[in-house]
Every structure is written in structure tokens, then in C-alpha cells.
Amino acid sequence: MEIKIERVTSWQRVVDAARFTERKDALGHEPSDQFKRHILRSEHSPIRLLEYDIKIYDIPYFSAMHFVRHFMGIEKFVSTQRPDRTHSGKTRHELPQDAPVNVWLSCNAQALINISRVRICNKADATTRNFWLEVVEKISEIDPILYEFLVPSCVAKGFCPEIQPCGYTDTQGYKQLRYDYVEGAK
């Protein structure tokens, strides 16, 4: 499995859109880290202009299907399993649920936040969660400020929204992550 991530738009685009809504001229350069944290925390619409291409190679088909369930701020491209295109010698009926496929996710910052809230949750499928955690780790190298906001729902909301919670909110690890999440954006 291999993951490649590229940021395809800039933070300057985000700040210029935010300034446009206030009838201000474009900033002309990348905004401060404080601005980035504030706009990500508020989830205001200009963050939808910060876009990334994420290519994941050779993941199980079932994990790819978990990612394609997401629909706001994301386009998905999944490699075909058609035998006339793959020349694998197997029909679709013969391929298992964990047959490897490639996935290209073209998504904005809001989509990354939304996907993380669901796919990092301990109630998510473990295989898919591990793939997404690798994506999030790679994003930390490209955009460390955005990385701070790629957390499970319980951390973002301050409580577990699951019908049957996993118990993570009762741990010291959760309390520290929640504290860092809240205090880091100030």
C-alpha cells in the first residue's frame, strides 16, 4: 500500500475568499497560523477552497467503499475491477471483498475534517481506520495546522455521538487530546 498526497490549492486562496466576503482586497500572501486555526475551528465556507488530492494504492475494496460513502466536498475515483480492463483472468464474482483497488480522493479541508471524525473513531472498521490514520499522518507533513483538526467526533464535539460508545472518552488519552484540540485553536 502506498499513499500520495498533494495540496492543489493554497491558503492564500482561502484568506482571499474570506476577505472578499468582507469587501476587502486580497491579502496577497499566505495568512497567519492564527487565521488558519480560527477559520478551521469555525469551519467557515472558505476552507472548502483548500483542496487536496489523495491517492491510495492497493487498499482492500471494502475500505475503498467506506471512503466513497462520503459525499460533501469530495470526488472519488476507484480503479475498475472489470476483467476486460484488468486482464486479471478473474470475473467480478470471483474477486473477494479485500481485492486490492486504487482510490483517488480529491477533497477539500472540510471533507477531510468530516471524514476524520467518522473514520478515526474506534467504532470504524479497523482496517479503514488504519488507512485513514496514515492519510492524516501524511497531511501533518504537508499542512500541520489542518492536521490539528483531523480528529474523531468525540474529540471535536466533547462527547461520543455513537449509540454504543467504545469508552475512549473515559480515558486520559482522550482528555489530553480534547484539551489540546480546544486549547490549540485559541
C-alpha atoms as a PDB file:
ATOM      1  CA  MET A   1       0.000   0.000   0.000  1.00  0.00           C
ATOM      2  CA  GLU A   2       1.192   3.475  -0.882  1.00  0.00           C
ATOM      3  CA  ILE A   3      -0.292   6.912  -0.206  1.00  0.00           C
ATOM      4  CA  LYS A   4       0.492  10.090  -2.141  1.00  0.00           C
ATOM      5  CA  ILE A   5      -0.964  13.441  -1.109  1.00  0.00           C
ATOM      6  CA  GLU A   6      -0.696  16.794  -2.816  1.00  0.00           C
ATOM      7  CA  ARG A   7      -2.221  20.105  -1.770  1.00  0.00           C
ATOM      8  CA  VAL A   8      -3.595  21.506  -5.032  1.00  0.00           C
ATOM      9  CA  THR A   9      -4.728  24.944  -3.833  1.00  0.00           C
ATOM     10  CA  SER A  10      -3.205  27.436  -1.425  1.00  0.00           C
ATOM     11  CA  TRP A  11      -4.093  29.012   1.889  1.00  0.00           C
ATOM     12  CA  GLN A  12      -3.845  32.357   0.098  1.00  0.00           C
ATOM     13  CA  ARG A  13      -6.967  31.386  -1.849  1.00  0.00           C
ATOM     14  CA  VAL A  14      -8.782  30.722   1.442  1.00  0.00           C
ATOM     15  CA  VAL A  15      -7.851  34.035   3.044  1.00  0.00           C
ATOM     16  CA  ASP A  16      -8.615  35.981  -0.130  1.00  0.00           C
ATOM     17  CA  ALA A  17     -12.099  34.426  -0.287  1.00  0.00           C
ATOM     18  CA  ALA A  18     -12.693  35.282   3.374  1.00  0.00           C
ATOM     19  CA  ARG A  19     -11.559  38.861   2.782  1.00  0.00           C
ATOM     20  CA  PHE A  20     -13.752  39.097  -0.333  1.00  0.00           C
ATOM     21  CA  THR A  21     -16.834  38.355   1.798  1.00  0.00           C
ATOM     22  CA  GLU A  22     -15.895  41.372   3.938  1.00  0.00           C
ATOM     23  CA  ARG A  23     -15.363  43.611   0.886  1.00  0.00           C
ATOM     24  CA  LYS A  24     -11.622  43.702   1.483  1.00  0.00           C
ATOM     25  CA  ASP A  25      -8.820  43.437  -1.068  1.00  0.00           C
ATOM     26  CA  ALA A  26      -6.877  40.223  -1.460  1.00  0.00           C
ATOM     27  CA  LEU A  27      -4.160  39.729   1.159  1.00  0.00           C
ATOM     28  CA  GLY A  28      -1.578  38.827  -1.476  1.00  0.00           C
ATOM     29  CA  HIS A  29       0.247  36.227   0.650  1.00  0.00           C
ATOM     30  CA  GLU A  30      -0.388  33.222   2.856  1.00  0.00           C
ATOM     31  CA  PRO A  31      -2.310  34.030   6.065  1.00  0.00           C
ATOM     32  CA  SER A  32      -1.021  33.644   9.605  1.00  0.00           C
ATOM     33  CA  ASP A  33      -1.257  30.377  11.503  1.00  0.00           C
ATOM     34  CA  GLN A  34      -3.721  32.089  13.848  1.00  0.00           C
ATOM     35  CA  PHE A  35      -6.052  32.845  10.910  1.00  0.00           C
ATOM     36  CA  LYS A  36      -5.755  29.238   9.720  1.00  0.00           C
ATOM     37  CA  ARG A  37      -6.685  27.886  13.147  1.00  0.00           C
ATOM     38  CA  HIS A  38      -9.620  30.271  13.528  1.00  0.00           C
ATOM     39  CA  ILE A  39     -11.149  29.547  10.132  1.00  0.00           C
ATOM     40  CA  LEU A  40     -10.682  25.786  10.543  1.00  0.00           C
ATOM     41  CA  ARG A  41     -12.183  25.904  14.041  1.00  0.00           C
ATOM     42  CA  SER A  42     -15.211  27.839  12.782  1.00  0.00           C
ATOM     43  CA  GLU A  43     -15.462  25.690   9.635  1.00  0.00           C
ATOM     44  CA  HIS A  44     -16.377  28.767   7.593  1.00  0.00           C
ATOM     45  CA  SER A  45     -17.010  28.194   3.880  1.00  0.00           C
ATOM     46  CA  PRO A  46     -13.624  29.459   2.546  1.00  0.00           C
ATOM     47  CA  ILE A  47     -11.942  26.299   3.897  1.00  0.00           C
ATOM     48  CA  ARG A  48     -13.728  24.467   1.102  1.00  0.00           C
ATOM     49  CA  LEU A  49     -11.274  26.168  -1.285  1.00  0.00           C
ATOM     50  CA  LEU A  50      -8.304  24.394   0.323  1.00  0.00           C
ATOM     51  CA  GLU A  51      -8.090  21.231  -1.773  1.00  0.00           C
ATOM     52  CA  TYR A  52      -6.014  18.058  -1.731  1.00  0.00           C
ATOM     53  CA  ASP A  53      -5.518  15.059  -4.000  1.00  0.00           C
ATOM     54  CA  ILE A  54      -5.064  11.830  -2.069  1.00  0.00           C
ATOM     55  CA  LYS A  55      -4.071   8.711  -3.966  1.00  0.00           C
ATOM     56  CA  ILE A  56      -4.140   5.411  -2.106  1.00  0.00           C
ATOM     57  CA  TYR A  57      -2.799   2.371  -3.920  1.00  0.00           C
ATOM     58  CA  ASP A  58      -3.669  -1.275  -3.270  1.00  0.00           C
ATOM     59  CA  ILE A  59      -6.211  -0.976  -0.497  1.00  0.00           C
ATOM     60  CA  PRO A  60      -8.966  -3.538   0.043  1.00  0.00           C
ATOM     61  CA  TYR A  61     -12.107  -2.962  -1.975  1.00  0.00           C
ATOM     62  CA  PHE A  62     -14.184  -2.792   1.224  1.00  0.00           C
ATOM     63  CA  SER A  63     -12.073   0.095   2.570  1.00  0.00           C
ATOM     64  CA  ALA A  64     -12.439   1.933  -0.726  1.00  0.00           C
ATOM     65  CA  MET A  65     -16.205   1.581  -0.362  1.00  0.00           C
ATOM     66  CA  HIS A  66     -16.031   3.137   3.117  1.00  0.00           C
ATOM     67  CA  PHE A  67     -14.340   6.195   1.618  1.00  0.00           C
ATOM     68  CA  VAL A  68     -16.778   6.549  -1.273  1.00  0.00           C
ATOM     69  CA  ARG A  69     -19.648   6.830   1.228  1.00  0.00           C
ATOM     70  CA  HIS A  70     -18.508  10.393   1.903  1.00  0.00           C
ATOM     71  CA  PHE A  71     -20.115  12.876  -0.458  1.00  0.00           C
ATOM     72  CA  MET A  72     -19.655  16.501   0.582  1.00  0.00           C
ATOM     73  CA  GLY A  73     -16.555  18.242  -0.724  1.00  0.00           C
ATOM     74  CA  ILE A  74     -15.073  15.123  -2.239  1.00  0.00           C
ATOM     75  CA  GLU A  75     -14.791  13.376  -5.589  1.00  0.00           C
ATOM     76  CA  LYS A  76     -13.772   9.733  -5.695  1.00  0.00           C
ATOM     77  CA  PHE A  77     -12.129   7.709  -8.425  1.00  0.00           C
ATOM     78  CA  VAL A  78     -11.738   3.960  -7.835  1.00  0.00           C
ATOM     79  CA  SER A  79      -9.829   1.624 -10.121  1.00  0.00           C
ATOM     80  CA  THR A  80     -12.002  -0.784 -12.034  1.00  0.00           C
ATOM     81  CA  GLN A  81     -12.307  -4.494 -11.428  1.00  0.00           C
ATOM     82  CA  ARG A  82     -13.735  -5.146 -14.889  1.00  0.00           C
ATOM     83  CA  PRO A  83     -11.971  -8.211 -16.269  1.00  0.00           C
ATOM     84  CA  ASP A  84     -11.920  -6.753 -19.788  1.00  0.00           C
ATOM     85  CA  ARG A  85      -9.874  -3.829 -18.453  1.00  0.00           C
ATOM     86  CA  THR A  86      -7.720  -5.506 -15.792  1.00  0.00           C
ATOM     87  CA  HIS A  87      -6.909  -8.708 -17.697  1.00  0.00           C
ATOM     88  CA  SER A  88      -6.746 -10.464 -14.316  1.00  0.00           C
ATOM     89  CA  GLY A  89      -8.380 -13.609 -15.606  1.00  0.00           C
ATOM     90  CA  LYS A  90     -10.984 -13.382 -12.839  1.00  0.00           C
ATOM     91  CA  THR A  91     -14.589 -12.306 -13.067  1.00  0.00           C
ATOM     92  CA  ARG A  92     -16.005  -9.803 -10.594  1.00  0.00           C
ATOM     93  CA  HIS A  93     -17.836 -12.699  -8.942  1.00  0.00           C
ATOM     94  CA  GLU A  94     -14.524 -14.369  -8.172  1.00  0.00           C
ATOM     95  CA  LEU A  95     -12.905 -11.335  -6.556  1.00  0.00           C
ATOM     96  CA  PRO A  96     -13.013 -11.194  -2.744  1.00  0.00           C
ATOM     97  CA  GLN A  97     -14.115  -8.136  -0.720  1.00  0.00           C
ATOM     98  CA  ASP A  98     -10.471  -7.469   0.084  1.00  0.00           C
ATOM     99  CA  ALA A  99      -9.271  -7.484  -3.533  1.00  0.00           C
ATOM    100  CA  PRO A 100      -6.860  -4.544  -3.919  1.00  0.00           C
ATOM    101  CA  VAL A 101      -8.003  -1.378  -5.679  1.00  0.00           C
ATOM    102  CA  ASN A 102      -6.631   2.142  -6.052  1.00  0.00           C
ATOM    103  CA  VAL A 103      -8.543   5.192  -4.803  1.00  0.00           C
ATOM    104  CA  TRP A 104      -8.059   8.845  -5.717  1.00  0.00           C
ATOM    105  CA  LEU A 105      -9.858  11.208  -3.352  1.00  0.00           C
ATOM    106  CA  SER A 106      -9.999  14.823  -4.453  1.00  0.00           C
ATOM    107  CA  CYS A 107     -11.279  16.671  -1.412  1.00  0.00           C
ATOM    108  CA  ASN A 108     -11.337  19.947   0.404  1.00  0.00           C
ATOM    109  CA  ALA A 109     -10.383  20.731   4.010  1.00  0.00           C
ATOM    110  CA  GLN A 110     -13.987  20.449   5.212  1.00  0.00           C
ATOM    111  CA  ALA A 111     -14.261  16.957   3.725  1.00  0.00           C
ATOM    112  CA  LEU A 112     -11.020  15.926   5.435  1.00  0.00           C
ATOM    113  CA  ILE A 113     -12.409  17.135   8.762  1.00  0.00           C
ATOM    114  CA  ASN A 114     -15.713  15.306   8.203  1.00  0.00           C
ATOM    115  CA  ILE A 115     -14.099  12.051   7.074  1.00  0.00           C
ATOM    116  CA  SER A 116     -11.675  12.100  10.003  1.00  0.00           C
ATOM    117  CA  ARG A 117     -14.485  12.471  12.514  1.00  0.00           C
ATOM    118  CA  VAL A 118     -16.014   9.226  11.274  1.00  0.00           C
ATOM    119  CA  ARG A 119     -13.046   7.151  10.102  1.00  0.00           C
ATOM    120  CA  ILE A 120     -10.727   7.779  13.067  1.00  0.00           C
ATOM    121  CA  CYS A 121     -13.454   6.752  15.507  1.00  0.00           C
ATOM    122  CA  ASN A 122     -12.721   3.499  17.346  1.00  0.00           C
ATOM    123  CA  LYS A 123     -16.109   2.209  16.147  1.00  0.00           C
ATOM    124  CA  ALA A 124     -14.961   2.464  12.499  1.00  0.00           C
ATOM    125  CA  ASP A 125     -13.628  -0.591  10.689  1.00  0.00           C
ATOM    126  CA  ALA A 126     -10.075  -1.155  11.959  1.00  0.00           C
ATOM    127  CA  THR A 127      -8.535  -1.628   8.505  1.00  0.00           C
ATOM    128  CA  THR A 128     -10.143   1.521   7.120  1.00  0.00           C
ATOM    129  CA  ARG A 129      -9.270   3.459  10.296  1.00  0.00           C
ATOM    130  CA  ASN A 130      -5.601   2.492   9.920  1.00  0.00           C
ATOM    131  CA  PHE A 131      -5.557   3.620   6.280  1.00  0.00           C
ATOM    132  CA  TRP A 132      -7.128   6.954   7.217  1.00  0.00           C
ATOM    133  CA  LEU A 133      -4.701   7.431  10.114  1.00  0.00           C
ATOM    134  CA  GLU A 134      -1.875   7.039   7.594  1.00  0.00           C
ATOM    135  CA  VAL A 135      -3.523   9.670   5.373  1.00  0.00           C
ATOM    136  CA  VAL A 136      -3.859  12.031   8.343  1.00  0.00           C
ATOM    137  CA  GLU A 137      -0.210  11.467   9.290  1.00  0.00           C
ATOM    138  CA  LYS A 138       0.896  12.384   5.759  1.00  0.00           C
ATOM    139  CA  ILE A 139      -1.298  15.502   5.869  1.00  0.00           C
ATOM    140  CA  SER A 140       0.561  16.527   9.035  1.00  0.00           C
ATOM    141  CA  GLU A 141       3.714  16.778   6.910  1.00  0.00           C
ATOM    142  CA  ILE A 142       2.001  18.965   4.288  1.00  0.00           C
ATOM    143  CA  ASP A 143      -0.300  21.059   6.457  1.00  0.00           C
ATOM    144  CA  PRO A 144       0.341  20.759  10.214  1.00  0.00           C
ATOM    145  CA  ILE A 145      -2.363  23.299  11.101  1.00  0.00           C
ATOM    146  CA  LEU A 146      -5.077  21.338   9.281  1.00  0.00           C
ATOM    147  CA  TYR A 147      -3.760  18.177  10.941  1.00  0.00           C
ATOM    148  CA  GLU A 148      -4.734  19.611  14.356  1.00  0.00           C
ATOM    149  CA  PHE A 149      -8.403  19.466  13.289  1.00  0.00           C
ATOM    150  CA  LEU A 150      -8.420  15.935  11.875  1.00  0.00           C
ATOM    151  CA  VAL A 151      -9.793  14.252  14.971  1.00  0.00           C
ATOM    152  CA  PRO A 152     -12.587  11.792  15.802  1.00  0.00           C
ATOM    153  CA  SER A 153     -16.089  13.142  16.522  1.00  0.00           C
ATOM    154  CA  CYS A 154     -15.767  12.697  20.264  1.00  0.00           C
ATOM    155  CA  VAL A 155     -12.740  14.996  20.377  1.00  0.00           C
ATOM    156  CA  ALA A 156     -14.383  17.649  18.191  1.00  0.00           C
ATOM    157  CA  LYS A 157     -17.759  17.512  19.945  1.00  0.00           C
ATOM    158  CA  GLY A 158     -16.663  16.831  23.508  1.00  0.00           C
ATOM    159  CA  PHE A 159     -18.815  13.707  23.770  1.00  0.00           C
ATOM    160  CA  CYS A 160     -19.295  10.428  21.937  1.00  0.00           C
ATOM    161  CA  PRO A 161     -22.192  10.523  19.453  1.00  0.00           C
ATOM    162  CA  GLU A 162     -22.231   6.731  18.957  1.00  0.00           C
ATOM    163  CA  ILE A 163     -25.211   4.679  20.147  1.00  0.00           C
ATOM    164  CA  GLN A 164     -22.827   2.244  21.827  1.00  0.00           C
ATOM    165  CA  PRO A 165     -19.681   4.190  22.795  1.00  0.00           C
ATOM    166  CA  CYS A 166     -16.285   2.487  22.807  1.00  0.00           C
ATOM    167  CA  GLY A 167     -15.243   4.015  26.146  1.00  0.00           C
ATOM    168  CA  TYR A 168     -12.439   6.186  24.770  1.00  0.00           C
ATOM    169  CA  THR A 169     -13.969   9.337  26.290  1.00  0.00           C
ATOM    170  CA  ASP A 170     -13.275   7.884  29.745  1.00  0.00           C
ATOM    171  CA  THR A 171      -9.526   7.639  29.139  1.00  0.00           C
ATOM    172  CA  GLN A 172      -6.713  10.020  29.983  1.00  0.00           C
ATOM    173  CA  GLY A 173      -5.601   9.907  26.332  1.00  0.00           C
ATOM    174  CA  TYR A 174      -8.976  11.299  25.262  1.00  0.00           C
ATOM    175  CA  LYS A 175      -8.914  14.023  27.910  1.00  0.00           C
ATOM    176  CA  GLN A 176      -5.464  15.158  26.781  1.00  0.00           C
ATOM    177  CA  LEU A 177      -6.397  15.127  23.078  1.00  0.00           C
ATOM    178  CA  ARG A 178      -9.626  17.026  23.788  1.00  0.00           C
ATOM    179  CA  TYR A 179      -7.707  19.606  25.850  1.00  0.00           C
ATOM    180  CA  ASP A 180      -5.117  20.036  23.073  1.00  0.00           C
ATOM    181  CA  TYR A 181      -7.880  20.360  20.478  1.00  0.00           C
ATOM    182  CA  VAL A 182      -9.741  23.059  22.410  1.00  0.00           C
ATOM    183  CA  GLU A 183      -6.739  24.986  23.685  1.00  0.00           C
ATOM    184  CA  GLY A 184      -4.696  24.722  20.493  1.00  0.00           C
ATOM    185  CA  ALA A 185      -7.222  26.693  18.453  1.00  0.00           C
ATOM    186  CA  LYS A 186      -7.262  29.695  20.784  1.00  0.00           C
END
